[in-house]
Amino acid sequence: MSSPWSQRREVSPENSRLLIERAHEELVAGNAGDERLRDVRMLVRESWRRSLDSLVGAEALPPLDLTAEELEAYRRAHPLAGVIDMVRGLLLPGEPSESGVVVAVGDAAGRLLWVEGDRDVRRLTGDMGFVEGANWSEHAVGTAAPGTAIALDRSVQIHGAEHFNRLVQPWSCTAAPLHDPETRRILGVIDVTGGLEAVTPQAQLLVDATARAIESELLVSRLRARAAPQRPARRTRRRAEPTRATLHVLGRDRALLEVVGEGTETVSELGPRHAELLLMLAIHRQGLSAERLGELVYGESGGDAASVTLRAEMVRLRKTLTTAAPALVPESRPYRIAVEVETDAHRVLSLLDRGAHRVALAAYRGDVLPDSVAPGVEEFRDTVRTALREALMAEASVDVLLAFAETDAAVDDIELLRLCLTMLPARSPRRAGLVARIERLES
């Protein structure tokens, strides 16, 4: 079956791109009364002002609101989970990976839960953070079809330059809200992102029709469930909200431990040794013997002295965590933490897996515990740095690669600089600086 987007590229924006770009520049610069704003559609102009009121940056990257584990659990329980196959069938027939567009389904808060479609478009849009788990509401990224459709509770089309965020302006999108078929409250949003084919009148008709079909299917499924014989509901005790812990180790020697529990939030700074111990336990969730933990922190030549030192440090770490985060106090035999501890380094790896290269690079604030010489830390540090480099060199845009080349992790990377040089246009003014850097490194 052919793609519904393949033959629909004849549309052009209502206003010229240049006029809209200039109007956007004036508004962002604070000139809200500039006459050029009259050349912008009222729907877009009002959305731009809401974006400014929300203090959205003109090149802001969307926040990643859901980790991989949270995303998986949330999707399973979401009311739209049962209609994803319908979305695929209506909007991505044939070979989805070659459709030319990306289709996303988000929740009522604008967080993307499913993102599927053309593999090349997904790779490029992933650079700007259009990935599962990211927040694409207006207050997070400004004017874009998913967030604006939710804000207005109607289907909208946003042409390239009409996006508030400059990083999103190469793309166009059509989105429609999805409603509860009985209460009419917003359950989520469906979005199609791509080139001009994504903002044709036919595209809006197709997205609107898909939204109505989804709402009808939700109602039919609900009526069927009500008609089925009901079993007595079991009474269950309310479980306490689990503790959520994040260990910040990127670019830091004294790690920060952020713990969010039921109605509480604490942030504690850990010393270098405690940071190493907690990081090893966060990486090895299955647990570690005293001998193995000692090797990862002190090295294989530590011997009996290292075992004694490890026991003493674990006693001190337990005392610290008993005050700061009781749920994280390590168990013994093996040493392990019952509650999952996420790290900011693992978030970077998760972003890379989702294709959000630009967001991953922004989240990479430096090496893992850069001054640590603990063997386990050094190994994890190299893993994160290598994963970042390989993912960016394989799939990232040249702008992202150039930004990576300015970090400490890639400042002497000749192979990366040469790759950037091959990707830049022949007349790019940035080529001269790259050539000079390569020559200095080769001399």
Protein backbone atom coordinates (compact mmCIF):
# COMPACT_ATOMS: atom_id res chain seq x y z
CA MET A 1 0.00 0.00 0.00
CA SER A 2 1.41 3.41 -0.94
CA SER A 3 1.95 6.20 1.57
CA PRO A 4 -0.85 8.79 1.84
CA TRP A 5 1.85 11.47 1.97
CA SER A 6 3.80 10.63 -1.20
CA GLN A 7 2.00 12.85 -3.78
CA ARG A 8 1.04 15.91 -1.79
CA ARG A 9 3.84 18.43 -1.94
CA GLU A 10 2.15 21.21 -3.88
CA VAL A 11 1.15 23.36 -0.90
CA SER A 12 3.03 26.52 0.15
CA PRO A 13 2.69 28.60 3.33
CA GLU A 14 0.19 31.45 3.35
CA ASN A 15 2.94 34.00 4.00
CA SER A 16 6.50 33.99 2.73
CA ARG A 17 9.06 32.35 4.97
CA LEU A 18 11.25 35.45 5.02
CA LEU A 19 8.46 37.71 6.30
CA ILE A 20 7.55 35.26 9.03
CA GLU A 21 11.18 34.83 10.08
CA ARG A 22 11.64 38.61 10.36
CA ALA A 23 8.43 38.96 12.35
CA HIS A 24 9.60 36.20 14.68
CA GLU A 25 12.96 37.92 15.19
CA GLU A 26 11.24 41.19 16.08
CA LEU A 27 8.91 39.52 18.57
CA VAL A 28 11.72 37.58 20.26
CA ALA A 29 13.75 40.80 20.42
CA GLY A 30 10.91 42.45 22.33
CA ASN A 31 9.34 44.45 19.51
CA ALA A 32 5.80 43.17 19.98
CA GLY A 33 4.37 46.16 18.10
CA ASP A 34 6.35 45.63 14.91
CA GLU A 35 4.10 45.92 11.83
CA ARG A 36 5.56 42.78 10.29
CA LEU A 37 3.68 40.72 12.87
CA ARG A 38 0.52 41.52 10.89
CA ASP A 39 1.88 39.25 8.14
CA VAL A 40 1.69 36.28 10.53
CA ARG A 41 -1.52 34.29 11.00
CA MET A 42 -3.36 35.29 14.16
CA LEU A 43 -3.34 31.69 15.41
CA VAL A 44 0.46 31.65 15.18
CA ARG A 45 0.90 35.18 16.50
CA GLU A 46 -1.12 34.43 19.63
CA SER A 47 0.78 31.18 20.14
CA TRP A 48 4.08 33.06 19.89
CA ARG A 49 2.92 35.43 22.62
CA ARG A 50 1.90 32.50 24.84
CA SER A 51 5.35 31.04 24.23
CA LEU A 52 6.98 34.29 25.33
CA ASP A 53 4.76 34.42 28.42
CA SER A 54 5.99 30.91 29.28
CA LEU A 55 9.61 32.12 28.93
CA VAL A 56 10.34 29.58 26.19
CA GLY A 57 13.74 30.07 24.60
CA ALA A 58 13.90 30.57 20.86
CA GLU A 59 16.26 27.58 20.64
CA ALA A 60 15.07 25.65 23.68
CA LEU A 61 15.36 21.87 23.66
CA PRO A 62 12.31 20.00 24.96
CA PRO A 63 12.64 18.48 28.42
CA LEU A 64 12.67 14.70 28.64
CA ASP A 65 9.87 14.18 31.17
CA LEU A 66 9.82 10.38 31.13
CA THR A 67 12.68 7.93 31.51
CA ALA A 68 12.64 4.74 29.46
CA GLU A 69 11.19 2.75 32.38
CA GLU A 70 8.58 5.39 33.22
CA LEU A 71 7.60 5.69 29.56
CA GLU A 72 7.03 1.96 29.18
CA ALA A 73 4.85 1.72 32.30
CA TYR A 74 2.91 4.88 31.44
CA ARG A 75 2.20 3.75 27.88
CA ARG A 76 0.87 0.39 29.01
CA ALA A 77 -1.68 2.09 31.27
CA HIS A 78 -2.62 4.95 28.93
CA PRO A 79 -6.12 4.95 27.36
CA LEU A 80 -4.59 5.36 23.88
CA ALA A 81 -2.45 2.22 24.13
CA GLY A 82 -5.18 0.12 22.50
CA VAL A 83 -5.51 2.25 19.37
CA ILE A 84 -1.88 2.53 18.26
CA ASP A 85 -2.33 -0.18 15.63
CA MET A 86 -5.23 1.85 14.22
CA VAL A 87 -2.99 4.94 14.04
CA ARG A 88 -0.35 2.97 12.16
CA GLY A 89 -2.92 1.53 9.75
CA LEU A 90 -4.50 4.89 8.92
CA LEU A 91 -1.46 7.18 8.85
CA LEU A 92 1.45 4.84 8.09
CA PRO A 93 0.20 2.20 5.63
CA GLY A 94 2.68 0.34 3.51
CA GLU A 95 6.29 0.64 4.68
CA PRO A 96 6.31 3.12 7.62
CA SER A 97 10.10 3.50 7.58
CA GLU A 98 9.89 4.99 4.06
CA SER A 99 6.73 7.09 4.48
CA GLY A 100 8.48 10.47 4.38
CA VAL A 101 6.80 11.60 7.63
CA VAL A 102 6.88 10.91 11.35
CA VAL A 103 3.65 10.19 13.24
CA ALA A 104 3.55 10.87 16.98
CA VAL A 105 0.91 10.24 19.63
CA GLY A 106 1.17 12.21 22.87
CA ASP A 107 -0.72 12.58 26.12
CA ALA A 108 -2.84 15.51 27.30
CA ALA A 109 0.24 17.22 28.72
CA GLY A 110 2.01 17.19 25.33
CA ARG A 111 4.48 14.42 26.18
CA LEU A 112 5.22 12.18 23.20
CA LEU A 113 4.45 8.53 23.96
CA TRP A 114 4.81 6.91 20.53
CA VAL A 115 6.93 8.22 17.64
CA GLU A 116 7.05 6.15 14.44
CA GLY A 117 7.55 6.57 10.72
CA ASP A 118 10.26 7.36 8.20
CA ARG A 119 13.66 6.33 9.56
CA ASP A 120 15.53 9.30 8.02
CA VAL A 121 12.97 11.83 9.20
CA ARG A 122 13.01 10.29 12.69
CA ARG A 123 16.80 10.59 12.78
CA LEU A 124 16.72 14.25 11.78
CA THR A 125 13.79 15.25 14.00
CA GLY A 126 15.39 13.34 16.86
CA ASP A 127 18.19 15.92 16.75
CA MET A 128 15.75 18.55 17.98
CA GLY A 129 14.30 16.26 20.66
CA PHE A 130 11.21 14.99 18.85
CA VAL A 131 11.41 11.65 20.64
CA GLU A 132 9.32 9.48 22.93
CA GLY A 133 9.19 10.85 26.46
CA ALA A 134 9.89 14.47 25.45
CA ASN A 135 7.52 17.30 26.35
CA TRP A 136 6.21 19.15 23.28
CA SER A 137 3.65 21.37 24.98
CA GLU A 138 3.61 25.09 24.18
CA HIS A 139 5.07 26.03 27.55
CA ALA A 140 8.02 23.67 26.92
CA VAL A 141 8.97 24.31 23.26
CA GLY A 142 6.65 27.08 22.08
CA THR A 143 4.53 27.01 18.95
CA ALA A 144 4.38 23.52 17.41
CA ALA A 145 1.41 21.54 16.19
CA PRO A 146 1.17 19.05 19.10
CA GLY A 147 1.27 21.65 21.88
CA THR A 148 -0.76 24.27 20.04
CA ALA A 149 -3.48 21.74 19.16
CA ILE A 150 -3.78 20.90 22.87
CA ALA A 151 -3.75 24.57 23.88
CA LEU A 152 -6.54 25.45 21.41
CA ASP A 153 -8.36 22.10 21.60
CA ARG A 154 -8.60 21.93 17.81
CA SER A 155 -6.57 20.65 14.89
CA VAL A 156 -3.83 22.98 13.67
CA GLN A 157 -1.14 23.16 11.01
CA ILE A 158 2.17 24.88 11.65
CA HIS A 159 4.33 25.69 8.61
CA GLY A 160 8.14 25.71 9.01
CA ALA A 161 8.96 29.32 9.96
CA GLU A 162 5.80 29.62 12.08
CA HIS A 163 7.39 27.48 14.79
CA PHE A 164 8.53 29.56 17.74
CA ASN A 165 11.60 27.40 18.21
CA ARG A 166 14.21 28.02 15.50
CA LEU A 167 15.44 24.42 15.75
CA VAL A 168 12.01 23.21 14.61
CA GLN A 169 11.59 25.63 11.71
CA PRO A 170 12.93 23.24 9.04
CA TRP A 171 9.81 21.10 9.63
CA SER A 172 6.06 21.42 9.20
CA CYS A 173 3.37 19.58 11.11
CA THR A 174 -0.34 18.88 11.48
CA ALA A 175 -1.88 17.81 14.79
CA ALA A 176 -5.31 17.16 16.28
CA PRO A 177 -6.38 16.59 19.89
CA LEU A 178 -7.87 13.25 20.93
CA HIS A 179 -10.87 13.35 23.28
CA ASP A 180 -12.54 11.03 25.70
CA PRO A 181 -15.65 10.04 23.71
CA GLU A 182 -17.96 10.58 26.71
CA THR A 183 -16.51 13.38 28.84
CA ARG A 184 -14.84 15.18 25.88
CA ARG A 185 -11.79 15.92 27.99
CA ILE A 186 -8.49 15.79 26.08
CA LEU A 187 -6.78 12.41 26.29
CA GLY A 188 -3.88 13.22 24.03
CA VAL A 189 -2.80 14.43 20.62
CA ILE A 190 -1.88 12.93 17.25
CA ASP A 191 0.72 14.64 15.07
CA VAL A 192 2.24 14.25 11.61
CA THR A 193 5.62 15.92 11.04
CA GLY A 194 7.59 16.19 7.81
CA GLY A 195 8.03 18.53 4.88
CA LEU A 196 5.31 20.36 2.98
CA GLU A 197 3.41 17.10 2.51
CA ALA A 198 2.60 17.21 6.22
CA VAL A 199 0.66 20.50 5.99
CA THR A 200 -1.56 20.09 2.94
CA PRO A 201 -5.35 20.43 3.27
CA GLN A 202 -5.54 16.68 2.61
CA ALA A 203 -3.16 16.06 5.50
CA GLN A 204 -5.42 17.96 7.89
CA LEU A 205 -8.48 16.06 6.67
CA LEU A 206 -6.67 12.75 7.16
CA VAL A 207 -5.43 13.62 10.67
CA ASP A 208 -8.89 14.88 11.69
CA ALA A 209 -10.52 11.73 10.32
CA THR A 210 -8.02 9.57 12.18
CA ALA A 211 -8.75 11.41 15.42
CA ARG A 212 -12.50 10.84 15.01
CA ALA A 213 -11.93 7.16 14.19
CA ILE A 214 -9.82 6.75 17.32
CA GLU A 215 -12.48 8.36 19.50
CA SER A 216 -15.14 6.09 18.00
CA GLU A 217 -13.01 3.02 18.63
CA LEU A 218 -12.48 4.09 22.25
CA LEU A 219 -16.24 4.38 22.72
CA VAL A 220 -16.94 1.00 21.12
CA SER A 221 -14.29 -0.68 23.28
CA ARG A 222 -15.72 0.93 26.39
CA LEU A 223 -19.27 -0.19 25.59
CA ARG A 224 -18.07 -3.73 24.95
CA ALA A 225 -16.29 -3.78 28.29
CA ARG A 226 -19.43 -2.63 30.08
CA ALA A 227 -21.51 -5.33 28.40
CA ALA A 228 -19.11 -8.09 29.48
CA PRO A 229 -19.79 -9.93 32.78
CA GLN A 230 -18.18 -8.09 35.66
CA ARG A 231 -16.11 -9.81 38.29
CA PRO A 232 -16.12 -8.44 41.85
CA ALA A 233 -13.30 -5.98 42.26
CA ARG A 234 -10.61 -6.91 44.72
CA ARG A 235 -9.74 -4.44 47.42
CA THR A 236 -6.11 -3.47 47.28
CA ARG A 237 -4.13 -1.44 49.71
CA ARG A 238 -2.83 1.84 48.43
CA ARG A 239 0.87 1.56 47.81
CA ALA A 240 3.13 4.33 48.91
CA GLU A 241 4.63 6.35 46.09
CA PRO A 242 8.02 4.80 45.29
CA THR A 243 11.17 6.77 45.88
CA ARG A 244 12.78 8.20 42.75
CA ALA A 245 16.50 8.81 43.01
CA THR A 246 18.87 10.42 40.53
CA LEU A 247 22.64 10.55 40.91
CA HIS A 248 24.25 13.45 39.04
CA VAL A 249 27.82 12.49 38.11
CA LEU A 250 28.50 14.18 34.74
CA GLY A 251 31.22 16.82 35.01
CA ARG A 252 31.22 16.52 38.81
CA ASP A 253 33.60 14.96 41.34
CA ARG A 254 31.26 15.52 44.27
CA ALA A 255 28.11 13.90 42.99
CA LEU A 256 24.63 15.24 43.74
CA LEU A 257 21.97 12.80 44.93
CA GLU A 258 18.42 13.95 44.21
CA VAL A 259 15.67 11.97 45.93
CA VAL A 260 11.94 12.48 45.40
CA GLY A 261 9.57 10.55 47.66
CA GLU A 262 5.96 10.89 48.70
CA GLY A 263 5.62 14.64 49.14
CA THR A 264 9.33 15.16 49.82
CA GLU A 265 12.42 16.11 47.84
CA THR A 266 16.03 16.23 49.02
CA VAL A 267 19.34 17.02 47.33
CA SER A 268 22.57 15.89 48.97
CA GLU A 269 26.19 16.31 47.94
CA LEU A 270 28.35 13.20 48.24
CA GLY A 271 32.09 13.04 48.71
CA PRO A 272 34.24 11.48 45.96
CA ARG A 273 34.45 8.00 47.52
CA HIS A 274 30.76 7.82 48.40
CA ALA A 275 29.96 8.99 44.86
CA GLU A 276 32.05 6.13 43.42
CA LEU A 277 30.40 3.53 45.68
CA LEU A 278 26.87 4.69 44.96
CA LEU A 279 27.56 4.91 41.21
CA MET A 280 28.83 1.30 41.15
CA LEU A 281 25.72 0.12 43.01
CA ALA A 282 23.49 2.13 40.64
CA ILE A 283 25.15 0.50 37.60
CA HIS A 284 25.13 -3.03 39.02
CA ARG A 285 21.54 -3.27 40.20
CA GLN A 286 21.75 -7.02 40.70
CA GLY A 287 24.23 -6.45 43.54
CA LEU A 288 27.97 -6.83 44.10
CA SER A 289 30.02 -8.94 46.45
CA ALA A 290 32.35 -7.09 48.80
CA GLU A 291 35.32 -8.40 46.82
CA ARG A 292 33.95 -7.23 43.46
CA LEU A 293 32.87 -3.82 44.76
CA GLY A 294 36.35 -3.39 46.22
CA GLU A 295 37.92 -4.19 42.85
CA LEU A 296 35.71 -1.67 41.05
CA VAL A 297 36.53 1.10 43.51
CA TYR A 298 40.07 0.33 44.74
CA GLY A 299 41.47 -1.96 42.05
CA GLU A 300 42.54 -5.58 42.14
CA SER A 301 45.72 -4.90 44.17
CA GLY A 302 43.91 -3.47 47.19
CA GLY A 303 44.05 -6.70 49.22
CA ASP A 304 42.95 -6.94 52.85
CA ALA A 305 43.53 -3.25 53.45
CA ALA A 306 41.03 -2.41 50.70
CA SER A 307 38.45 -4.76 52.24
CA VAL A 308 38.79 -3.05 55.62
CA THR A 309 38.58 0.39 54.00
CA LEU A 310 35.54 -0.66 51.97
CA ARG A 311 33.66 -1.86 55.05
CA ALA A 312 34.42 1.41 56.84
CA GLU A 313 33.31 3.49 53.85
CA MET A 314 30.09 1.49 53.51
CA VAL A 315 29.32 2.13 57.19
CA ARG A 316 29.79 5.88 56.62
CA LEU A 317 27.74 5.77 53.39
CA ARG A 318 24.90 4.02 55.20
CA LYS A 319 24.89 6.70 57.90
CA THR A 320 24.78 9.42 55.27
CA LEU A 321 21.93 7.77 53.38
CA THR A 322 19.96 6.97 56.54
CA THR A 323 19.58 10.71 57.00
CA ALA A 324 19.34 11.83 53.36
CA ALA A 325 17.54 8.89 51.69
CA PRO A 326 16.62 5.93 53.94
CA ALA A 327 15.19 3.92 51.03
CA LEU A 328 18.64 3.91 49.40
CA VAL A 329 20.58 2.44 52.33
CA PRO A 330 22.49 -0.50 50.74
CA GLU A 331 21.75 -4.07 51.68
CA SER A 332 24.60 -6.51 52.35
CA ARG A 333 25.61 -9.89 50.93
CA PRO A 334 25.56 -8.80 48.21
CA TYR A 335 25.78 -5.04 48.43
CA ARG A 336 22.79 -3.72 46.55
CA ILE A 337 20.16 -0.94 46.59
CA ALA A 338 16.53 -2.04 46.58
CA VAL A 339 15.33 1.17 44.89
CA GLU A 340 16.46 1.97 41.36
CA VAL A 341 18.95 4.83 41.21
CA GLU A 342 19.04 6.57 37.86
CA THR A 343 22.08 8.59 36.81
CA ASP A 344 22.31 11.59 34.53
CA ALA A 345 24.79 9.56 32.48
CA HIS A 346 22.18 6.87 31.87
CA ARG A 347 19.76 9.60 30.75
CA VAL A 348 22.26 10.62 28.07
CA LEU A 349 22.49 7.00 26.90
CA SER A 350 18.69 6.77 26.83
CA LEU A 351 18.45 9.93 24.74
CA LEU A 352 20.97 8.51 22.27
CA ASP A 353 18.92 5.33 21.99
CA ARG A 354 15.86 7.44 21.11
CA GLY A 355 17.77 9.45 18.51
CA ALA A 356 17.64 12.74 20.44
CA HIS A 357 21.23 13.63 19.64
CA ARG A 358 21.06 17.38 20.25
CA VAL A 359 19.26 16.88 23.57
CA ALA A 360 21.75 14.18 24.59
CA LEU A 361 24.66 16.49 23.83
CA ALA A 362 23.06 19.28 25.87
CA ALA A 363 22.59 16.85 28.77
CA TYR A 364 26.23 15.72 28.60
CA ARG A 365 27.85 18.12 31.04
CA GLY A 366 31.24 16.44 31.04
CA ASP A 367 32.86 13.13 31.86
CA VAL A 368 31.60 10.86 34.62
CA LEU A 369 33.33 11.83 37.90
CA PRO A 370 36.28 13.20 35.88
CA ASP A 371 38.92 13.07 38.64
CA SER A 372 38.08 9.55 39.80
CA VAL A 373 40.64 6.78 39.20
CA ALA A 374 38.37 3.97 40.40
CA PRO A 375 38.54 1.23 37.72
CA GLY A 376 34.76 0.83 37.60
CA VAL A 377 34.24 4.56 37.17
CA GLU A 378 36.90 4.81 34.47
CA GLU A 379 35.24 1.97 32.54
CA PHE A 380 31.78 3.55 32.77
CA ARG A 381 33.22 6.97 31.85
CA ASP A 382 34.73 5.51 28.67
CA THR A 383 31.47 3.69 27.88
CA VAL A 384 29.42 6.88 28.04
CA ARG A 385 31.93 8.97 26.10
CA THR A 386 32.34 6.30 23.39
CA ALA A 387 28.58 5.77 23.06
CA LEU A 388 28.04 9.52 22.66
CA ARG A 389 30.80 9.87 20.07
CA GLU A 390 29.77 6.84 18.00
CA ALA A 391 26.07 7.73 18.01
CA LEU A 392 26.73 11.32 16.96
CA MET A 393 29.20 10.39 14.24
CA ALA A 394 26.83 7.78 12.85
CA GLU A 395 23.58 9.74 12.78
CA ALA A 396 23.78 13.33 14.05
CA SER A 397 23.49 16.43 11.87
CA VAL A 398 26.56 18.52 11.15
CA ASP A 399 25.38 21.26 13.53
CA VAL A 400 25.28 18.78 16.40
CA LEU A 401 28.68 17.37 15.44
CA LEU A 402 30.19 20.85 15.37
CA ALA A 403 28.78 21.52 18.84
CA PHE A 404 30.25 18.22 20.06
CA ALA A 405 33.63 19.19 18.57
CA GLU A 406 33.72 22.15 20.99
CA THR A 407 33.47 19.93 24.09
CA ASP A 408 36.43 18.62 26.08
CA ALA A 409 35.53 15.09 25.00
CA ALA A 410 36.20 15.86 21.33
CA VAL A 411 38.54 18.84 21.25
CA ASP A 412 41.42 16.75 19.77
CA ASP A 413 39.31 14.35 17.70
CA ILE A 414 40.73 14.66 14.17
CA GLU A 415 38.42 11.99 12.78
CA LEU A 416 35.39 13.91 14.01
CA LEU A 417 36.69 17.19 12.60
CA ARG A 418 37.29 15.60 9.21
CA LEU A 419 33.77 14.17 9.20
CA CYS A 420 32.38 17.66 9.91
CA LEU A 421 34.44 19.00 7.04
CA THR A 422 32.97 16.47 4.60
CA MET A 423 29.41 17.29 5.74
CA LEU A 424 29.68 21.08 5.48
CA PRO A 425 28.67 22.77 2.20
CA ALA A 426 31.61 23.77 0.01
CA ARG A 427 31.07 27.50 0.66
CA SER A 428 30.39 27.26 4.39
CA PRO A 429 32.33 29.93 6.35
CA ARG A 430 32.96 27.35 9.07
CA ARG A 431 35.24 25.25 6.86
CA ALA A 432 38.26 27.52 7.31
CA GLY A 433 38.23 27.17 11.09
CA LEU A 434 37.94 23.38 10.84
CA VAL A 435 40.84 23.17 8.38
CA ALA A 436 42.99 25.28 10.71
CA ARG A 437 42.18 23.04 13.70
CA ILE A 438 42.96 19.88 11.75
CA GLU A 439 46.30 21.32 10.57
CA ARG A 440 47.26 22.29 14.14
CA LEU A 441 46.49 18.79 15.41
CA GLU A 442 48.43 17.15 12.57
CA SER A 443 51.52 19.34 13.00
